[in-house]
N, C-alpha and C. Protein backbone atom coordinates (compact mmCIF):
# COMPACT_ATOMS: atom_id res chain seq x y z
N ILE A 1 1.45 12.16 -5.46
CA ILE A 1 1.45 13.06 -4.32
C ILE A 1 2.72 13.90 -4.33
N THR A 2 3.85 13.24 -4.55
CA THR A 2 5.11 14.00 -4.51
C THR A 2 5.17 15.04 -5.61
N ARG A 3 4.65 14.71 -6.78
CA ARG A 3 4.65 15.68 -7.88
C ARG A 3 3.77 16.87 -7.55
N SER A 4 2.57 16.62 -7.02
CA SER A 4 1.67 17.73 -6.72
C SER A 4 2.18 18.59 -5.56
N LEU A 5 2.99 18.03 -4.69
CA LEU A 5 3.56 18.79 -3.58
C LEU A 5 4.92 19.39 -3.92
N GLY A 6 5.40 19.14 -5.13
CA GLY A 6 6.69 19.67 -5.55
C GLY A 6 7.86 18.95 -4.89
N LEU A 7 7.68 17.68 -4.54
CA LEU A 7 8.72 16.93 -3.84
C LEU A 7 9.36 15.85 -4.72
N SER A 8 9.14 15.92 -6.02
CA SER A 8 9.64 14.86 -6.91
C SER A 8 11.14 14.67 -6.84
N SER A 9 11.87 15.73 -6.58
CA SER A 9 13.34 15.61 -6.55
C SER A 9 13.89 15.46 -5.13
N ALA A 10 13.00 15.36 -4.14
CA ALA A 10 13.44 15.19 -2.75
C ALA A 10 14.12 13.84 -2.57
N PRO A 11 15.13 13.74 -1.68
CA PRO A 11 15.86 12.48 -1.51
C PRO A 11 14.98 11.32 -1.07
N GLY A 12 14.01 11.54 -0.22
CA GLY A 12 13.03 10.54 0.13
C GLY A 12 13.54 9.30 0.86
N LEU A 13 12.68 8.28 0.85
CA LEU A 13 12.92 7.05 1.59
C LEU A 13 14.19 6.34 1.13
N VAL A 14 14.37 6.20 -0.16
CA VAL A 14 15.54 5.49 -0.66
C VAL A 14 16.82 6.24 -0.28
N GLY A 15 16.78 7.57 -0.38
CA GLY A 15 17.93 8.36 0.05
C GLY A 15 18.23 8.18 1.53
N LEU A 16 17.19 8.13 2.34
CA LEU A 16 17.36 7.90 3.77
C LEU A 16 17.99 6.53 4.04
N LEU A 17 17.53 5.53 3.32
CA LEU A 17 18.06 4.18 3.52
C LEU A 17 19.52 4.06 3.09
N GLU A 18 19.92 4.90 2.16
CA GLU A 18 21.32 4.88 1.70
C GLU A 18 22.27 5.51 2.72
N GLN A 19 21.73 6.34 3.61
CA GLN A 19 22.56 7.03 4.60
C GLN A 19 22.56 6.24 5.90
N PRO A 20 23.70 5.68 6.30
CA PRO A 20 23.74 4.89 7.53
C PRO A 20 23.29 5.67 8.77
N ARG A 21 23.50 6.96 8.77
CA ARG A 21 23.12 7.77 9.92
C ARG A 21 22.05 8.81 9.59
N GLY A 22 21.31 8.55 8.50
CA GLY A 22 20.25 9.47 8.10
C GLY A 22 19.15 9.53 9.15
N VAL A 23 18.54 10.69 9.27
CA VAL A 23 17.49 10.92 10.26
C VAL A 23 16.15 11.04 9.54
N LEU A 24 15.17 10.27 9.98
CA LEU A 24 13.85 10.26 9.35
C LEU A 24 13.25 11.66 9.26
N ALA A 25 13.32 12.43 10.32
CA ALA A 25 12.71 13.77 10.35
C ALA A 25 13.26 14.68 9.25
N ASP A 26 14.47 14.44 8.82
CA ASP A 26 15.06 15.26 7.76
C ASP A 26 14.50 14.95 6.38
N HIS A 27 13.78 13.85 6.25
CA HIS A 27 13.26 13.42 4.96
C HIS A 27 11.74 13.49 4.87
N VAL A 28 11.08 13.80 5.97
CA VAL A 28 9.62 13.87 6.02
C VAL A 28 9.18 15.32 5.87
N PHE A 29 8.15 15.54 5.07
CA PHE A 29 7.65 16.89 4.82
C PHE A 29 6.23 17.02 5.36
N LYS A 30 5.96 18.12 6.06
CA LYS A 30 4.61 18.41 6.52
C LYS A 30 3.81 18.94 5.34
N THR A 31 2.52 18.65 5.36
CA THR A 31 1.63 19.19 4.33
C THR A 31 0.71 20.21 4.99
N SER A 32 -0.14 20.83 4.19
CA SER A 32 -1.09 21.79 4.74
C SER A 32 -2.24 21.10 5.47
N ARG A 33 -2.37 19.79 5.30
CA ARG A 33 -3.39 19.01 6.01
C ARG A 33 -2.87 18.63 7.39
N ARG A 34 -3.62 18.97 8.41
CA ARG A 34 -3.21 18.68 9.78
C ARG A 34 -2.95 17.18 9.97
N GLY A 35 -1.78 16.86 10.47
CA GLY A 35 -1.43 15.48 10.77
C GLY A 35 -0.97 14.66 9.58
N LEU A 36 -0.93 15.26 8.39
CA LEU A 36 -0.51 14.51 7.21
C LEU A 36 0.93 14.88 6.86
N HIS A 37 1.80 13.89 6.89
CA HIS A 37 3.20 14.06 6.55
C HIS A 37 3.53 13.12 5.39
N VAL A 38 4.49 13.53 4.56
CA VAL A 38 4.85 12.74 3.39
C VAL A 38 6.34 12.44 3.41
N LEU A 39 6.67 11.19 3.20
CA LEU A 39 8.04 10.76 2.99
C LEU A 39 8.09 10.27 1.55
N PRO A 40 8.60 11.10 0.63
CA PRO A 40 8.63 10.67 -0.78
C PRO A 40 9.51 9.44 -0.96
N ALA A 41 9.31 8.75 -2.05
CA ALA A 41 10.15 7.59 -2.37
C ALA A 41 11.57 8.03 -2.70
N GLY A 42 11.68 9.15 -3.39
CA GLY A 42 12.99 9.62 -3.84
C GLY A 42 13.25 9.15 -5.25
N PRO A 43 14.33 9.64 -5.84
CA PRO A 43 14.66 9.24 -7.22
C PRO A 43 14.92 7.74 -7.33
N ALA A 44 14.64 7.19 -8.51
CA ALA A 44 14.84 5.75 -8.74
C ALA A 44 16.31 5.39 -8.56
N ARG A 45 16.52 4.24 -7.96
CA ARG A 45 17.88 3.72 -7.74
C ARG A 45 17.91 2.27 -8.20
N PRO A 46 19.02 1.82 -8.79
CA PRO A 46 19.10 0.43 -9.22
C PRO A 46 19.06 -0.57 -8.06
N ASN A 47 19.45 -0.11 -6.87
CA ASN A 47 19.48 -1.01 -5.71
C ASN A 47 18.29 -0.79 -4.77
N ALA A 48 17.20 -0.24 -5.29
CA ALA A 48 16.05 0.08 -4.45
C ALA A 48 15.48 -1.16 -3.75
N LYS A 49 15.38 -2.28 -4.44
CA LYS A 49 14.83 -3.49 -3.83
C LYS A 49 15.67 -3.91 -2.63
N GLU A 50 16.98 -3.89 -2.78
CA GLU A 50 17.87 -4.29 -1.69
C GLU A 50 17.75 -3.32 -0.51
N LEU A 51 17.62 -2.03 -0.80
CA LEU A 51 17.47 -1.05 0.27
C LEU A 51 16.16 -1.25 1.01
N LEU A 52 15.08 -1.51 0.27
CA LEU A 52 13.78 -1.71 0.90
C LEU A 52 13.72 -3.02 1.69
N ALA A 53 14.51 -4.00 1.31
CA ALA A 53 14.53 -5.28 2.02
C ALA A 53 15.59 -5.32 3.12
N SER A 54 16.23 -4.20 3.38
CA SER A 54 17.34 -4.16 4.32
C SER A 54 16.89 -4.15 5.78
N HIS A 55 17.84 -4.45 6.65
CA HIS A 55 17.60 -4.37 8.09
C HIS A 55 17.23 -2.93 8.49
N ARG A 56 17.87 -1.97 7.86
CA ARG A 56 17.58 -0.55 8.15
C ARG A 56 16.12 -0.22 7.86
N MET A 57 15.57 -0.75 6.77
CA MET A 57 14.16 -0.52 6.44
C MET A 57 13.26 -1.17 7.47
N ARG A 58 13.57 -2.40 7.88
CA ARG A 58 12.76 -3.08 8.90
C ARG A 58 12.76 -2.28 10.19
N THR A 59 13.91 -1.74 10.55
CA THR A 59 14.01 -0.91 11.76
C THR A 59 13.20 0.36 11.61
N LEU A 60 13.27 0.99 10.45
CA LEU A 60 12.51 2.21 10.19
C LEU A 60 11.01 1.96 10.29
N VAL A 61 10.54 0.87 9.71
CA VAL A 61 9.11 0.53 9.77
C VAL A 61 8.69 0.28 11.22
N ALA A 62 9.51 -0.42 11.98
CA ALA A 62 9.20 -0.67 13.39
C ALA A 62 9.16 0.64 14.17
N ASP A 63 10.08 1.55 13.89
CA ASP A 63 10.08 2.85 14.55
C ASP A 63 8.83 3.66 14.21
N LEU A 64 8.42 3.63 12.95
CA LEU A 64 7.20 4.34 12.54
C LEU A 64 5.98 3.78 13.27
N ALA A 65 5.91 2.48 13.38
CA ALA A 65 4.78 1.84 14.04
C ALA A 65 4.77 2.14 15.53
N ALA A 66 5.93 2.27 16.14
CA ALA A 66 6.03 2.49 17.59
C ALA A 66 5.76 3.94 17.98
N ARG A 67 5.89 4.86 17.05
CA ARG A 67 5.74 6.29 17.37
C ARG A 67 4.34 6.64 17.85
N ASP A 68 3.34 6.14 17.17
CA ASP A 68 1.96 6.49 17.51
C ASP A 68 1.07 5.32 17.09
N SER A 69 0.48 4.67 18.06
CA SER A 69 -0.33 3.49 17.76
C SER A 69 -1.60 3.84 16.98
N HIS A 70 -1.97 5.12 16.94
CA HIS A 70 -3.16 5.54 16.20
C HIS A 70 -2.83 6.06 14.81
N ALA A 71 -1.57 6.19 14.50
CA ALA A 71 -1.16 6.70 13.19
C ALA A 71 -1.39 5.66 12.11
N ILE A 72 -1.68 6.14 10.94
CA ILE A 72 -1.83 5.28 9.77
C ILE A 72 -0.66 5.61 8.85
N VAL A 73 0.11 4.59 8.53
CA VAL A 73 1.26 4.75 7.64
C VAL A 73 0.91 4.08 6.32
N LEU A 74 0.96 4.84 5.23
CA LEU A 74 0.65 4.31 3.91
C LEU A 74 1.92 4.23 3.08
N PHE A 75 2.12 3.12 2.42
CA PHE A 75 3.21 2.98 1.45
C PHE A 75 2.56 2.95 0.07
N ASP A 76 2.86 3.95 -0.73
CA ASP A 76 2.39 3.97 -2.11
C ASP A 76 3.51 3.34 -2.93
N SER A 77 3.19 2.32 -3.67
CA SER A 77 4.24 1.60 -4.39
C SER A 77 3.94 1.56 -5.88
N PRO A 78 4.95 1.22 -6.66
CA PRO A 78 4.71 1.00 -8.09
C PRO A 78 3.80 -0.21 -8.27
N PRO A 79 3.30 -0.42 -9.47
CA PRO A 79 2.42 -1.59 -9.70
C PRO A 79 3.09 -2.90 -9.30
N LEU A 80 2.32 -3.75 -8.67
CA LEU A 80 2.81 -5.00 -8.12
C LEU A 80 3.43 -5.93 -9.17
N LEU A 81 2.87 -5.95 -10.35
CA LEU A 81 3.38 -6.85 -11.39
C LEU A 81 4.53 -6.25 -12.19
N VAL A 82 4.84 -4.99 -11.95
CA VAL A 82 5.89 -4.31 -12.72
C VAL A 82 7.23 -4.34 -12.01
N THR A 83 7.24 -4.18 -10.69
CA THR A 83 8.50 -4.13 -9.95
C THR A 83 8.45 -5.05 -8.74
N SER A 84 9.60 -5.48 -8.31
CA SER A 84 9.68 -6.31 -7.11
C SER A 84 9.64 -5.46 -5.84
N GLU A 85 9.87 -4.15 -5.96
CA GLU A 85 9.84 -3.26 -4.80
C GLU A 85 8.46 -3.27 -4.13
N ALA A 86 7.41 -3.36 -4.93
CA ALA A 86 6.06 -3.38 -4.39
C ALA A 86 5.84 -4.59 -3.49
N ARG A 87 6.35 -5.75 -3.87
CA ARG A 87 6.20 -6.95 -3.05
C ARG A 87 6.98 -6.83 -1.75
N VAL A 88 8.15 -6.21 -1.81
CA VAL A 88 8.94 -6.00 -0.59
C VAL A 88 8.17 -5.09 0.35
N LEU A 89 7.62 -3.99 -0.16
CA LEU A 89 6.86 -3.07 0.69
C LEU A 89 5.62 -3.76 1.27
N ALA A 90 4.97 -4.59 0.48
CA ALA A 90 3.78 -5.30 0.96
C ALA A 90 4.10 -6.22 2.13
N SER A 91 5.34 -6.65 2.25
CA SER A 91 5.71 -7.53 3.35
C SER A 91 5.72 -6.80 4.70
N TYR A 92 5.78 -5.48 4.69
CA TYR A 92 5.84 -4.69 5.93
C TYR A 92 4.48 -4.25 6.45
N VAL A 93 3.45 -4.35 5.65
CA VAL A 93 2.17 -3.75 6.00
C VAL A 93 1.22 -4.75 6.65
N GLY A 94 0.21 -4.20 7.32
CA GLY A 94 -0.80 -5.03 7.96
C GLY A 94 -1.93 -5.38 7.03
N GLN A 95 -2.12 -4.59 5.99
CA GLN A 95 -3.12 -4.88 4.98
C GLN A 95 -2.72 -4.22 3.68
N VAL A 96 -3.30 -4.68 2.58
CA VAL A 96 -2.94 -4.20 1.26
C VAL A 96 -4.18 -3.63 0.59
N VAL A 97 -4.00 -2.50 -0.09
CA VAL A 97 -5.04 -1.94 -0.94
C VAL A 97 -4.49 -2.00 -2.36
N LEU A 98 -5.12 -2.80 -3.17
CA LEU A 98 -4.71 -2.98 -4.56
C LEU A 98 -5.62 -2.11 -5.42
N VAL A 99 -5.04 -1.14 -6.11
CA VAL A 99 -5.81 -0.23 -6.96
C VAL A 99 -5.86 -0.81 -8.36
N VAL A 100 -7.08 -0.96 -8.88
CA VAL A 100 -7.31 -1.56 -10.18
C VAL A 100 -7.95 -0.50 -11.08
N GLU A 101 -7.36 -0.28 -12.25
CA GLU A 101 -7.91 0.71 -13.16
C GLU A 101 -9.05 0.09 -13.97
N ALA A 102 -10.23 0.68 -13.87
CA ALA A 102 -11.42 0.16 -14.56
C ALA A 102 -11.21 0.15 -16.06
N ASP A 103 -11.71 -0.89 -16.70
CA ASP A 103 -11.69 -1.04 -18.15
C ASP A 103 -10.28 -1.07 -18.75
N THR A 104 -9.26 -1.21 -17.92
CA THR A 104 -7.89 -1.24 -18.43
C THR A 104 -7.13 -2.44 -17.89
N THR A 105 -7.16 -2.66 -16.58
CA THR A 105 -6.40 -3.75 -15.98
C THR A 105 -7.10 -5.07 -16.28
N PRO A 106 -6.41 -5.99 -16.94
CA PRO A 106 -7.04 -7.29 -17.23
C PRO A 106 -7.30 -8.07 -15.94
N ARG A 107 -8.39 -8.80 -15.94
CA ARG A 107 -8.77 -9.59 -14.76
C ARG A 107 -7.66 -10.55 -14.36
N ARG A 108 -7.00 -11.18 -15.33
CA ARG A 108 -5.93 -12.13 -15.02
C ARG A 108 -4.77 -11.43 -14.31
N SER A 109 -4.53 -10.16 -14.62
CA SER A 109 -3.47 -9.40 -13.93
C SER A 109 -3.84 -9.15 -12.48
N VAL A 110 -5.11 -8.85 -12.23
CA VAL A 110 -5.57 -8.64 -10.86
C VAL A 110 -5.41 -9.93 -10.06
N LEU A 111 -5.84 -11.05 -10.64
CA LEU A 111 -5.73 -12.34 -9.95
C LEU A 111 -4.26 -12.72 -9.72
N GLU A 112 -3.41 -12.44 -10.70
CA GLU A 112 -1.98 -12.73 -10.55
C GLU A 112 -1.37 -11.88 -9.44
N ALA A 113 -1.75 -10.61 -9.38
CA ALA A 113 -1.23 -9.72 -8.33
C ALA A 113 -1.68 -10.20 -6.96
N ILE A 114 -2.92 -10.60 -6.84
CA ILE A 114 -3.44 -11.09 -5.56
C ILE A 114 -2.67 -12.33 -5.12
N GLU A 115 -2.35 -13.20 -6.05
CA GLU A 115 -1.61 -14.43 -5.71
C GLU A 115 -0.21 -14.12 -5.17
N LEU A 116 0.37 -13.00 -5.56
CA LEU A 116 1.71 -12.64 -5.09
C LEU A 116 1.72 -12.12 -3.65
N LEU A 117 0.55 -11.78 -3.14
CA LEU A 117 0.45 -11.18 -1.81
C LEU A 117 0.28 -12.22 -0.72
N ASP A 118 0.56 -11.82 0.48
CA ASP A 118 0.41 -12.67 1.66
C ASP A 118 -1.08 -12.75 2.00
N HIS A 119 -1.66 -13.92 1.87
CA HIS A 119 -3.10 -14.08 2.08
C HIS A 119 -3.50 -14.09 3.55
N SER A 120 -2.53 -14.02 4.45
CA SER A 120 -2.88 -13.91 5.87
C SER A 120 -3.22 -12.46 6.24
N LYS A 121 -2.98 -11.53 5.31
CA LYS A 121 -3.29 -10.11 5.53
C LYS A 121 -4.53 -9.75 4.71
N PRO A 122 -5.33 -8.83 5.22
CA PRO A 122 -6.47 -8.37 4.42
C PRO A 122 -5.98 -7.75 3.11
N ILE A 123 -6.62 -8.13 2.01
CA ILE A 123 -6.33 -7.57 0.69
C ILE A 123 -7.60 -6.89 0.20
N ASN A 124 -7.51 -5.59 0.00
CA ASN A 124 -8.66 -4.79 -0.41
C ASN A 124 -8.44 -4.32 -1.85
N LEU A 125 -9.52 -4.23 -2.61
CA LEU A 125 -9.44 -3.75 -3.98
C LEU A 125 -10.19 -2.42 -4.10
N VAL A 126 -9.59 -1.48 -4.83
CA VAL A 126 -10.24 -0.21 -5.13
C VAL A 126 -10.32 -0.10 -6.64
N LEU A 127 -11.53 0.10 -7.16
CA LEU A 127 -11.72 0.28 -8.59
C LEU A 127 -11.58 1.77 -8.89
N ASN A 128 -10.57 2.09 -9.68
CA ASN A 128 -10.22 3.47 -9.98
C ASN A 128 -10.63 3.82 -11.42
N LYS A 129 -11.01 5.06 -11.64
CA LYS A 129 -11.34 5.60 -12.97
C LYS A 129 -12.54 4.93 -13.61
N SER A 130 -13.48 4.50 -12.80
CA SER A 130 -14.69 3.91 -13.34
C SER A 130 -15.59 5.01 -13.88
N ARG A 131 -16.17 4.78 -15.04
CA ARG A 131 -17.06 5.79 -15.64
C ARG A 131 -18.50 5.58 -15.22
N ARG A 132 -18.79 4.44 -14.65
CA ARG A 132 -20.15 4.11 -14.22
C ARG A 132 -20.44 4.78 -12.90
N ARG A 133 -21.55 5.44 -12.82
CA ARG A 133 -21.96 6.09 -11.58
C ARG A 133 -22.72 5.10 -10.72
N ALA A 134 -22.35 5.05 -9.46
CA ALA A 134 -23.03 4.16 -8.53
C ALA A 134 -24.37 4.76 -8.14
N GLY A 135 -25.36 3.93 -8.06
CA GLY A 135 -26.68 4.36 -7.62
C GLY A 135 -27.16 3.45 -6.52
N MET A 136 -28.27 3.78 -5.95
CA MET A 136 -28.79 2.99 -4.83
C MET A 136 -29.04 1.54 -5.22
N GLY A 137 -29.41 1.27 -6.47
CA GLY A 137 -29.71 -0.09 -6.87
C GLY A 137 -28.50 -0.90 -7.26
N ASP A 138 -27.30 -0.32 -7.19
CA ASP A 138 -26.10 -1.01 -7.65
C ASP A 138 -25.50 -1.97 -6.63
N TYR A 139 -25.98 -1.93 -5.40
CA TYR A 139 -25.38 -2.74 -4.35
C TYR A 139 -26.38 -3.76 -3.85
N PRO A 140 -26.23 -5.03 -4.22
CA PRO A 140 -27.16 -6.05 -3.73
C PRO A 140 -26.82 -6.40 -2.29
N TYR A 141 -27.63 -5.94 -1.38
CA TYR A 141 -27.36 -6.17 0.03
C TYR A 141 -27.84 -7.53 0.50
N GLY A 142 -28.70 -8.18 -0.24
CA GLY A 142 -29.20 -9.48 0.16
C GLY A 142 -28.14 -10.55 -0.04
N GLY A 143 -28.27 -11.64 0.65
CA GLY A 143 -27.37 -12.76 0.47
C GLY A 143 -26.08 -12.70 1.27
N TYR A 144 -25.97 -11.74 2.18
CA TYR A 144 -24.75 -11.62 2.96
C TYR A 144 -24.86 -12.26 4.33
N GLU A 145 -25.97 -12.94 4.60
CA GLU A 145 -26.14 -13.56 5.91
C GLU A 145 -25.25 -14.80 6.00
N PRO A 146 -24.67 -15.06 7.17
CA PRO A 146 -23.82 -16.24 7.30
C PRO A 146 -24.64 -17.51 7.12
N SER A 147 -24.02 -18.50 6.57
CA SER A 147 -24.68 -19.77 6.36
C SER A 147 -24.72 -20.52 7.69
N VAL A 148 -25.91 -20.85 8.14
CA VAL A 148 -26.08 -21.58 9.40
C VAL A 148 -26.60 -22.97 9.07
N PRO A 149 -25.88 -24.02 9.48
CA PRO A 149 -26.34 -25.37 9.17
C PRO A 149 -27.68 -25.67 9.86
N SER A 150 -28.53 -26.39 9.16
CA SER A 150 -29.82 -26.74 9.75
C SER A 150 -29.58 -27.81 10.81
N PRO A 151 -30.48 -27.90 11.77
CA PRO A 151 -30.31 -28.88 12.86
C PRO A 151 -30.26 -30.31 12.36
N ASN A 152 -30.81 -30.57 11.16
CA ASN A 152 -30.84 -31.93 10.63
C ASN A 152 -29.63 -32.27 9.78
N SER A 153 -28.76 -31.29 9.50
CA SER A 153 -27.62 -31.56 8.62
C SER A 153 -26.47 -32.18 9.43
N ASN A 154 -25.57 -32.81 8.74
CA ASN A 154 -24.42 -33.44 9.37
C ASN A 154 -23.22 -32.51 9.45
N ASP A 155 -23.38 -31.27 9.07
CA ASP A 155 -22.24 -30.31 9.06
C ASP A 155 -21.94 -29.80 10.45
């Protein structure tokens, strides 16, 4: 997103966290889409994990959540198994969307990534770059009824 919007060199979130008196509004950019604002990550820093795990970050996340109860705040992070920053960001969210590249990401990597996440939060998977086209017959809708114990069972 930042590359397509020309914001790759913007100071971003990490730059904001480095400034003790930095103002969020100075780091957020409006887009041409109504209601869509972007806070880039900013250039890579060796202390990014510490900044993201800081009290300042927790305060920033709480402020974002308090601004508008109907707003959706998305954190786009690096791959979960590649950096520890992704796990720190996942600790702030109410749910996780794990993007899996079709025909590339090994199943064991997906399972390992899921194990690293907090299972008390919803974890959603998105299959990206799939070459298979979905059709009406691709979704088996049967079998989703809840299991109800029979009156004669001991369950």
